[in-house]
Amino acid sequence: MAAPKPRSRDFGAALAGLVLGGSVLFLTMMVIVWLTNSHFAGKAAEHAAPAPAAGATAPPPPAAH
């Protein structure tokens, strides 16, 4: 007869690894998103049209031909 296999007692270590690994992946993704947004923030501002002045009126619509 074979001896019974002892039960594994690594549940705590597995759970800690899962939580820590997920946290590290989440933080890594957030840093990548933050860096990407900060990189493209200046480029988006270059292409944005300046806002009209407070008292300025809109130009008239083009005449129909």
PDB file of N, CA and C in Angstrom:
ATOM      1  N   MET A   1       0.820  -1.191   0.000  1.00  0.00           N
ATOM      2  CA  MET A   1       0.000   0.000   0.000  1.00  0.00           C
ATOM      3  C   MET A   1       0.862   1.252   0.000  1.00  0.00           C
ATOM      4  N   ALA A   2       0.371   2.227  -0.703  1.00  0.00           N
ATOM      5  CA  ALA A   2       1.084   3.493  -0.748  1.00  0.00           C
ATOM      6  C   ALA A   2       0.687   4.348   0.450  1.00  0.00           C
ATOM      7  N   ALA A   3       1.617   5.125   0.925  1.00  0.00           N
ATOM      8  CA  ALA A   3       1.340   6.015   2.051  1.00  0.00           C
ATOM      9  C   ALA A   3       0.452   7.165   1.577  1.00  0.00           C
ATOM     10  N   PRO A   4      -0.446   7.614   2.418  1.00  0.00           N
ATOM     11  CA  PRO A   4      -1.305   8.727   2.006  1.00  0.00           C
ATOM     12  C   PRO A   4      -0.492  10.003   1.803  1.00  0.00           C
ATOM     13  N   LYS A   5      -0.850  10.753   0.772  1.00  0.00           N
ATOM     14  CA  LYS A   5      -0.144  11.995   0.454  1.00  0.00           C
ATOM     15  C   LYS A   5      -0.595  13.079   1.426  1.00  0.00           C
ATOM     16  N   PRO A   6       0.337  13.780   2.065  1.00  0.00           N
ATOM     17  CA  PRO A   6      -0.065  14.845   2.992  1.00  0.00           C
ATOM     18  C   PRO A   6      -0.691  16.012   2.226  1.00  0.00           C
ATOM     19  N   ARG A   7      -1.647  16.677   2.862  1.00  0.00           N
ATOM     20  CA  ARG A   7      -2.304  17.826   2.225  1.00  0.00           C
ATOM     21  C   ARG A   7      -1.350  19.009   2.171  1.00  0.00           C
ATOM     22  N   SER A   8      -1.426  19.740   1.106  1.00  0.00           N
ATOM     23  CA  SER A   8      -0.592  20.922   0.940  1.00  0.00           C
ATOM     24  C   SER A   8      -1.080  22.029   1.868  1.00  0.00           C
ATOM     25  N   ARG A   9      -0.170  22.746   2.443  1.00  0.00           N
ATOM     26  CA  ARG A   9      -0.525  23.833   3.344  1.00  0.00           C
ATOM     27  C   ARG A   9      -0.023  25.176   2.794  1.00  0.00           C
ATOM     28  N   ASP A  10      -0.037  25.322   1.487  1.00  0.00           N
ATOM     29  CA  ASP A  10       0.483  26.530   0.860  1.00  0.00           C
ATOM     30  C   ASP A  10      -0.607  27.515   0.445  1.00  0.00           C
ATOM     31  N   PHE A  11      -1.808  27.358   0.993  1.00  0.00           N
ATOM     32  CA  PHE A  11      -2.895  28.244   0.586  1.00  0.00           C
ATOM     33  C   PHE A  11      -2.585  29.699   0.930  1.00  0.00           C
ATOM     34  N   GLY A  12      -2.029  29.950   2.097  1.00  0.00           N
ATOM     35  CA  GLY A  12      -1.711  31.325   2.500  1.00  0.00           C
ATOM     36  C   GLY A  12      -0.667  31.951   1.595  1.00  0.00           C
ATOM     37  N   ALA A  13       0.352  31.185   1.252  1.00  0.00           N
ATOM     38  CA  ALA A  13       1.388  31.706   0.372  1.00  0.00           C
ATOM     39  C   ALA A  13       0.836  31.947  -1.032  1.00  0.00           C
ATOM     40  N   ALA A  14      -0.023  31.060  -1.499  1.00  0.00           N
ATOM     41  CA  ALA A  14      -0.614  31.232  -2.826  1.00  0.00           C
ATOM     42  C   ALA A  14      -1.510  32.466  -2.860  1.00  0.00           C
ATOM     43  N   LEU A  15      -2.293  32.665  -1.823  1.00  0.00           N
ATOM     44  CA  LEU A  15      -3.168  33.829  -1.765  1.00  0.00           C
ATOM     45  C   LEU A  15      -2.357  35.121  -1.685  1.00  0.00           C
ATOM     46  N   ALA A  16      -1.311  35.124  -0.896  1.00  0.00           N
ATOM     47  CA  ALA A  16      -0.452  36.308  -0.797  1.00  0.00           C
ATOM     48  C   ALA A  16       0.211  36.601  -2.145  1.00  0.00           C
ATOM     49  N   GLY A  17       0.669  35.565  -2.823  1.00  0.00           N
ATOM     50  CA  GLY A  17       1.278  35.757  -4.139  1.00  0.00           C
ATOM     51  C   GLY A  17       0.282  36.284  -5.152  1.00  0.00           C
ATOM     52  N   LEU A  18      -0.947  35.795  -5.091  1.00  0.00           N
ATOM     53  CA  LEU A  18      -1.982  36.261  -6.003  1.00  0.00           C
ATOM     54  C   LEU A  18      -2.304  37.735  -5.761  1.00  0.00           C
ATOM     55  N   VAL A  19      -2.447  38.105  -4.515  1.00  0.00           N
ATOM     56  CA  VAL A  19      -2.775  39.498  -4.183  1.00  0.00           C
ATOM     57  C   VAL A  19      -1.603  40.418  -4.526  1.00  0.00           C
ATOM     58  N   LEU A  20      -0.412  40.054  -4.138  1.00  0.00           N
ATOM     59  CA  LEU A  20       0.749  40.901  -4.425  1.00  0.00           C
ATOM     60  C   LEU A  20       1.031  40.976  -5.918  1.00  0.00           C
ATOM     61  N   GLY A  21       0.912  39.851  -6.605  1.00  0.00           N
ATOM     62  CA  GLY A  21       1.132  39.860  -8.050  1.00  0.00           C
ATOM     63  C   GLY A  21       0.110  40.710  -8.774  1.00  0.00           C
ATOM     64  N   GLY A  22      -1.161  40.603  -8.376  1.00  0.00           N
ATOM     65  CA  GLY A  22      -2.197  41.433  -8.986  1.00  0.00           C
ATOM     66  C   GLY A  22      -1.985  42.908  -8.704  1.00  0.00           C
ATOM     67  N   SER A  23      -1.553  43.220  -7.496  1.00  0.00           N
ATOM     68  CA  SER A  23      -1.293  44.619  -7.146  1.00  0.00           C
ATOM     69  C   SER A  23      -0.144  45.192  -7.963  1.00  0.00           C
ATOM     70  N   VAL A  24       0.896  44.425  -8.123  1.00  0.00           N
ATOM     71  CA  VAL A  24       2.051  44.885  -8.902  1.00  0.00           C
ATOM     72  C   VAL A  24       1.654  45.088 -10.362  1.00  0.00           C
ATOM     73  N   LEU A  25       0.894  44.162 -10.926  1.00  0.00           N
ATOM     74  CA  LEU A  25       0.452  44.323 -12.313  1.00  0.00           C
ATOM     75  C   LEU A  25      -0.446  45.549 -12.469  1.00  0.00           C
ATOM     76  N   PHE A  26      -1.358  45.752 -11.522  1.00  0.00           N
ATOM     77  CA  PHE A  26      -2.251  46.906 -11.581  1.00  0.00           C
ATOM     78  C   PHE A  26      -1.456  48.212 -11.499  1.00  0.00           C
ATOM     79  N   LEU A  27      -0.529  48.295 -10.564  1.00  0.00           N
ATOM     80  CA  LEU A  27       0.270  49.517 -10.431  1.00  0.00           C
ATOM     81  C   LEU A  27       1.139  49.761 -11.655  1.00  0.00           C
ATOM     82  N   THR A  28       1.678  48.691 -12.239  1.00  0.00           N
ATOM     83  CA  THR A  28       2.489  48.830 -13.452  1.00  0.00           C
ATOM     84  C   THR A  28       1.644  49.386 -14.600  1.00  0.00           C
ATOM     85  N   MET A  29       0.437  48.864 -14.751  1.00  0.00           N
ATOM     86  CA  MET A  29      -0.442  49.369 -15.805  1.00  0.00           C
ATOM     87  C   MET A  29      -0.817  50.825 -15.568  1.00  0.00           C
ATOM     88  N   MET A  30      -1.076  51.185 -14.317  1.00  0.00           N
ATOM     89  CA  MET A  30      -1.437  52.566 -14.019  1.00  0.00           C
ATOM     90  C   MET A  30      -0.274  53.522 -14.299  1.00  0.00           C
ATOM     91  N   VAL A  31       0.943  53.107 -14.011  1.00  0.00           N
ATOM     92  CA  VAL A  31       2.108  53.947 -14.298  1.00  0.00           C
ATOM     93  C   VAL A  31       2.264  54.121 -15.803  1.00  0.00           C
ATOM     94  N   ILE A  32       2.059  53.062 -16.576  1.00  0.00           N
ATOM     95  CA  ILE A  32       2.168  53.158 -18.032  1.00  0.00           C
ATOM     96  C   ILE A  32       1.117  54.115 -18.579  1.00  0.00           C
ATOM     97  N   VAL A  33      -0.113  54.024 -18.089  1.00  0.00           N
ATOM     98  CA  VAL A  33      -1.183  54.925 -18.542  1.00  0.00           C
ATOM     99  C   VAL A  33      -0.861  56.361 -18.149  1.00  0.00           C
ATOM    100  N   TRP A  34      -0.383  56.569 -16.937  1.00  0.00           N
ATOM    101  CA  TRP A  34      -0.045  57.917 -16.481  1.00  0.00           C
ATOM    102  C   TRP A  34       1.074  58.520 -17.336  1.00  0.00           C
ATOM    103  N   LEU A  35       2.099  57.735 -17.622  1.00  0.00           N
ATOM    104  CA  LEU A  35       3.205  58.241 -18.439  1.00  0.00           C
ATOM    105  C   LEU A  35       2.751  58.530 -19.865  1.00  0.00           C
ATOM    106  N   THR A  36       1.906  57.678 -20.418  1.00  0.00           N
ATOM    107  CA  THR A  36       1.408  57.895 -21.772  1.00  0.00           C
ATOM    108  C   THR A  36       0.549  59.151 -21.839  1.00  0.00           C
ATOM    109  N   ASN A  37      -0.333  59.330 -20.862  1.00  0.00           N
ATOM    110  CA  ASN A  37      -1.170  60.531 -20.837  1.00  0.00           C
ATOM    111  C   ASN A  37      -0.341  61.791 -20.694  1.00  0.00           C
ATOM    112  N   SER A  38       0.666  61.761 -19.857  1.00  0.00           N
ATOM    113  CA  SER A  38       1.497  62.954 -19.685  1.00  0.00           C
ATOM    114  C   SER A  38       2.323  63.232 -20.942  1.00  0.00           C
ATOM    115  N   HIS A  39       2.684  62.200 -21.679  1.00  0.00           N
ATOM    116  CA  HIS A  39       3.444  62.389 -22.915  1.00  0.00           C
ATOM    117  C   HIS A  39       2.585  63.061 -23.982  1.00  0.00           C
ATOM    118  N   PHE A  40       1.337  62.628 -24.124  1.00  0.00           N
ATOM    119  CA  PHE A  40       0.485  63.149 -25.171  1.00  0.00           C
ATOM    120  C   PHE A  40      -0.316  64.379 -24.753  1.00  0.00           C
ATOM    121  N   ALA A  41      -0.240  64.814 -23.522  1.00  0.00           N
ATOM    122  CA  ALA A  41      -0.987  65.988 -23.066  1.00  0.00           C
ATOM    123  C   ALA A  41      -0.522  67.239 -23.802  1.00  0.00           C
ATOM    124  N   GLY A  42       0.766  67.391 -23.988  1.00  0.00           N
ATOM    125  CA  GLY A  42       1.298  68.557 -24.701  1.00  0.00           C
ATOM    126  C   GLY A  42       0.940  68.539 -26.172  1.00  0.00           C
ATOM    127  N   LYS A  43       0.895  67.368 -26.776  1.00  0.00           N
ATOM    128  CA  LYS A  43       0.570  67.272 -28.196  1.00  0.00           C
ATOM    129  C   LYS A  43      -0.894  67.577 -28.443  1.00  0.00           C
ATOM    130  N   ALA A  44      -1.775  67.225 -27.525  1.00  0.00           N
ATOM    131  CA  ALA A  44      -3.193  67.528 -27.679  1.00  0.00           C
ATOM    132  C   ALA A  44      -3.428  69.029 -27.534  1.00  0.00           C
ATOM    133  N   ALA A  45      -2.665  69.692 -26.684  1.00  0.00           N
ATOM    134  CA  ALA A  45      -2.830  71.127 -26.489  1.00  0.00           C
ATOM    135  C   ALA A  45      -2.370  71.895 -27.723  1.00  0.00           C
ATOM    136  N   GLU A  46      -1.400  71.376 -28.460  1.00  0.00           N
ATOM    137  CA  GLU A  46      -0.920  72.048 -29.662  1.00  0.00           C
ATOM    138  C   GLU A  46      -1.995  72.080 -30.744  1.00  0.00           C
ATOM    139  N   HIS A  47      -2.789  71.015 -30.836  1.00  0.00           N
ATOM    140  CA  HIS A  47      -3.776  70.910 -31.903  1.00  0.00           C
ATOM    141  C   HIS A  47      -5.118  71.523 -31.533  1.00  0.00           C
ATOM    142  N   ALA A  48      -5.314  71.887 -30.298  1.00  0.00           N
ATOM    143  CA  ALA A  48      -6.591  72.456 -29.869  1.00  0.00           C
ATOM    144  C   ALA A  48      -6.688  73.905 -30.366  1.00  0.00           C
ATOM    145  N   ALA A  49      -7.871  74.268 -30.819  1.00  0.00           N
ATOM    146  CA  ALA A  49      -8.094  75.645 -31.276  1.00  0.00           C
ATOM    147  C   ALA A  49      -8.244  76.548 -30.060  1.00  0.00           C
ATOM    148  N   PRO A  50      -7.765  77.781 -30.164  1.00  0.00           N
ATOM    149  CA  PRO A  50      -7.922  78.695 -29.025  1.00  0.00           C
ATOM    150  C   PRO A  50      -9.395  79.023 -28.815  1.00  0.00           C
ATOM    151  N   ALA A  51      -9.777  79.205 -27.587  1.00  0.00           N
ATOM    152  CA  ALA A  51     -11.166  79.520 -27.250  1.00  0.00           C
ATOM    153  C   ALA A  51     -11.470  80.958 -27.653  1.00  0.00           C
ATOM    154  N   PRO A  52     -12.688  81.230 -28.147  1.00  0.00           N
ATOM    155  CA  PRO A  52     -13.025  82.610 -28.514  1.00  0.00           C
ATOM    156  C   PRO A  52     -13.103  83.498 -27.280  1.00  0.00           C
ATOM    157  N   ALA A  53     -12.909  84.774 -27.501  1.00  0.00           N
ATOM    158  CA  ALA A  53     -12.966  85.740 -26.397  1.00  0.00           C
ATOM    159  C   ALA A  53     -14.385  85.820 -25.851  1.00  0.00           C
ATOM    160  N   ALA A  54     -14.528  86.374 -24.665  1.00  0.00           N
ATOM    161  CA  ALA A  54     -15.826  86.393 -23.995  1.00  0.00           C
ATOM    162  C   ALA A  54     -16.860  87.210 -24.764  1.00  0.00           C
ATOM    163  N   GLY A  55     -16.492  88.335 -25.362  1.00  0.00           N
ATOM    164  CA  GLY A  55     -17.436  89.190 -26.052  1.00  0.00           C
ATOM    165  C   GLY A  55     -17.511  88.933 -27.542  1.00  0.00           C
ATOM    166  N   ALA A  56     -16.784  88.002 -28.056  1.00  0.00           N
ATOM    167  CA  ALA A  56     -16.740  87.760 -29.502  1.00  0.00           C
ATOM    168  C   ALA A  56     -18.023  87.064 -29.956  1.00  0.00           C
ATOM    169  N   THR A  57     -18.436  87.457 -31.175  1.00  0.00           N
ATOM    170  CA  THR A  57     -19.619  86.828 -31.757  1.00  0.00           C
ATOM    171  C   THR A  57     -19.167  85.784 -32.776  1.00  0.00           C
ATOM    172  N   ALA A  58     -20.033  84.856 -33.057  1.00  0.00           N
ATOM    173  CA  ALA A  58     -19.726  83.804 -34.024  1.00  0.00           C
ATOM    174  C   ALA A  58     -19.777  84.405 -35.424  1.00  0.00           C
ATOM    175  N   PRO A  59     -18.952  83.907 -36.347  1.00  0.00           N
ATOM    176  CA  PRO A  59     -18.997  84.417 -37.716  1.00  0.00           C
ATOM    177  C   PRO A  59     -20.311  84.022 -38.376  1.00  0.00           C
ATOM    178  N   PRO A  60     -20.765  84.815 -39.350  1.00  0.00           N
ATOM    179  CA  PRO A  60     -22.028  84.489 -40.008  1.00  0.00           C
ATOM    180  C   PRO A  60     -21.894  83.197 -40.806  1.00  0.00           C
ATOM    181  N   PRO A  61     -22.998  82.476 -40.990  1.00  0.00           N
ATOM    182  CA  PRO A  61     -22.928  81.237 -41.777  1.00  0.00           C
ATOM    183  C   PRO A  61     -22.634  81.546 -43.224  1.00  0.00           C
ATOM    184  N   PRO A  62     -22.030  80.623 -43.947  1.00  0.00           N
ATOM    185  CA  PRO A  62     -21.718  80.883 -45.355  1.00  0.00           C
ATOM    186  C   PRO A  62     -23.012  80.995 -46.172  1.00  0.00           C
ATOM    187  N   ALA A  63     -22.977  81.846 -47.188  1.00  0.00           N
ATOM    188  CA  ALA A  63     -24.149  82.035 -48.035  1.00  0.00           C
ATOM    189  C   ALA A  63     -24.345  80.835 -48.938  1.00  0.00           C
ATOM    190  N   ALA A  64     -25.596  80.454 -49.152  1.00  0.00           N
ATOM    191  CA  ALA A  64     -25.916  79.329 -50.032  1.00  0.00           C
ATOM    192  C   ALA A  64     -25.833  79.779 -51.463  1.00  0.00           C
ATOM    193  N   HIS A  65     -25.261  78.986 -52.325  1.00  0.00           N
ATOM    194  CA  HIS A  65     -25.138  79.342 -53.753  1.00  0.00           C
ATOM    195  C   HIS A  65     -26.115  78.595 -54.554  1.00  0.00           C
TER     196      HIS A  65
END
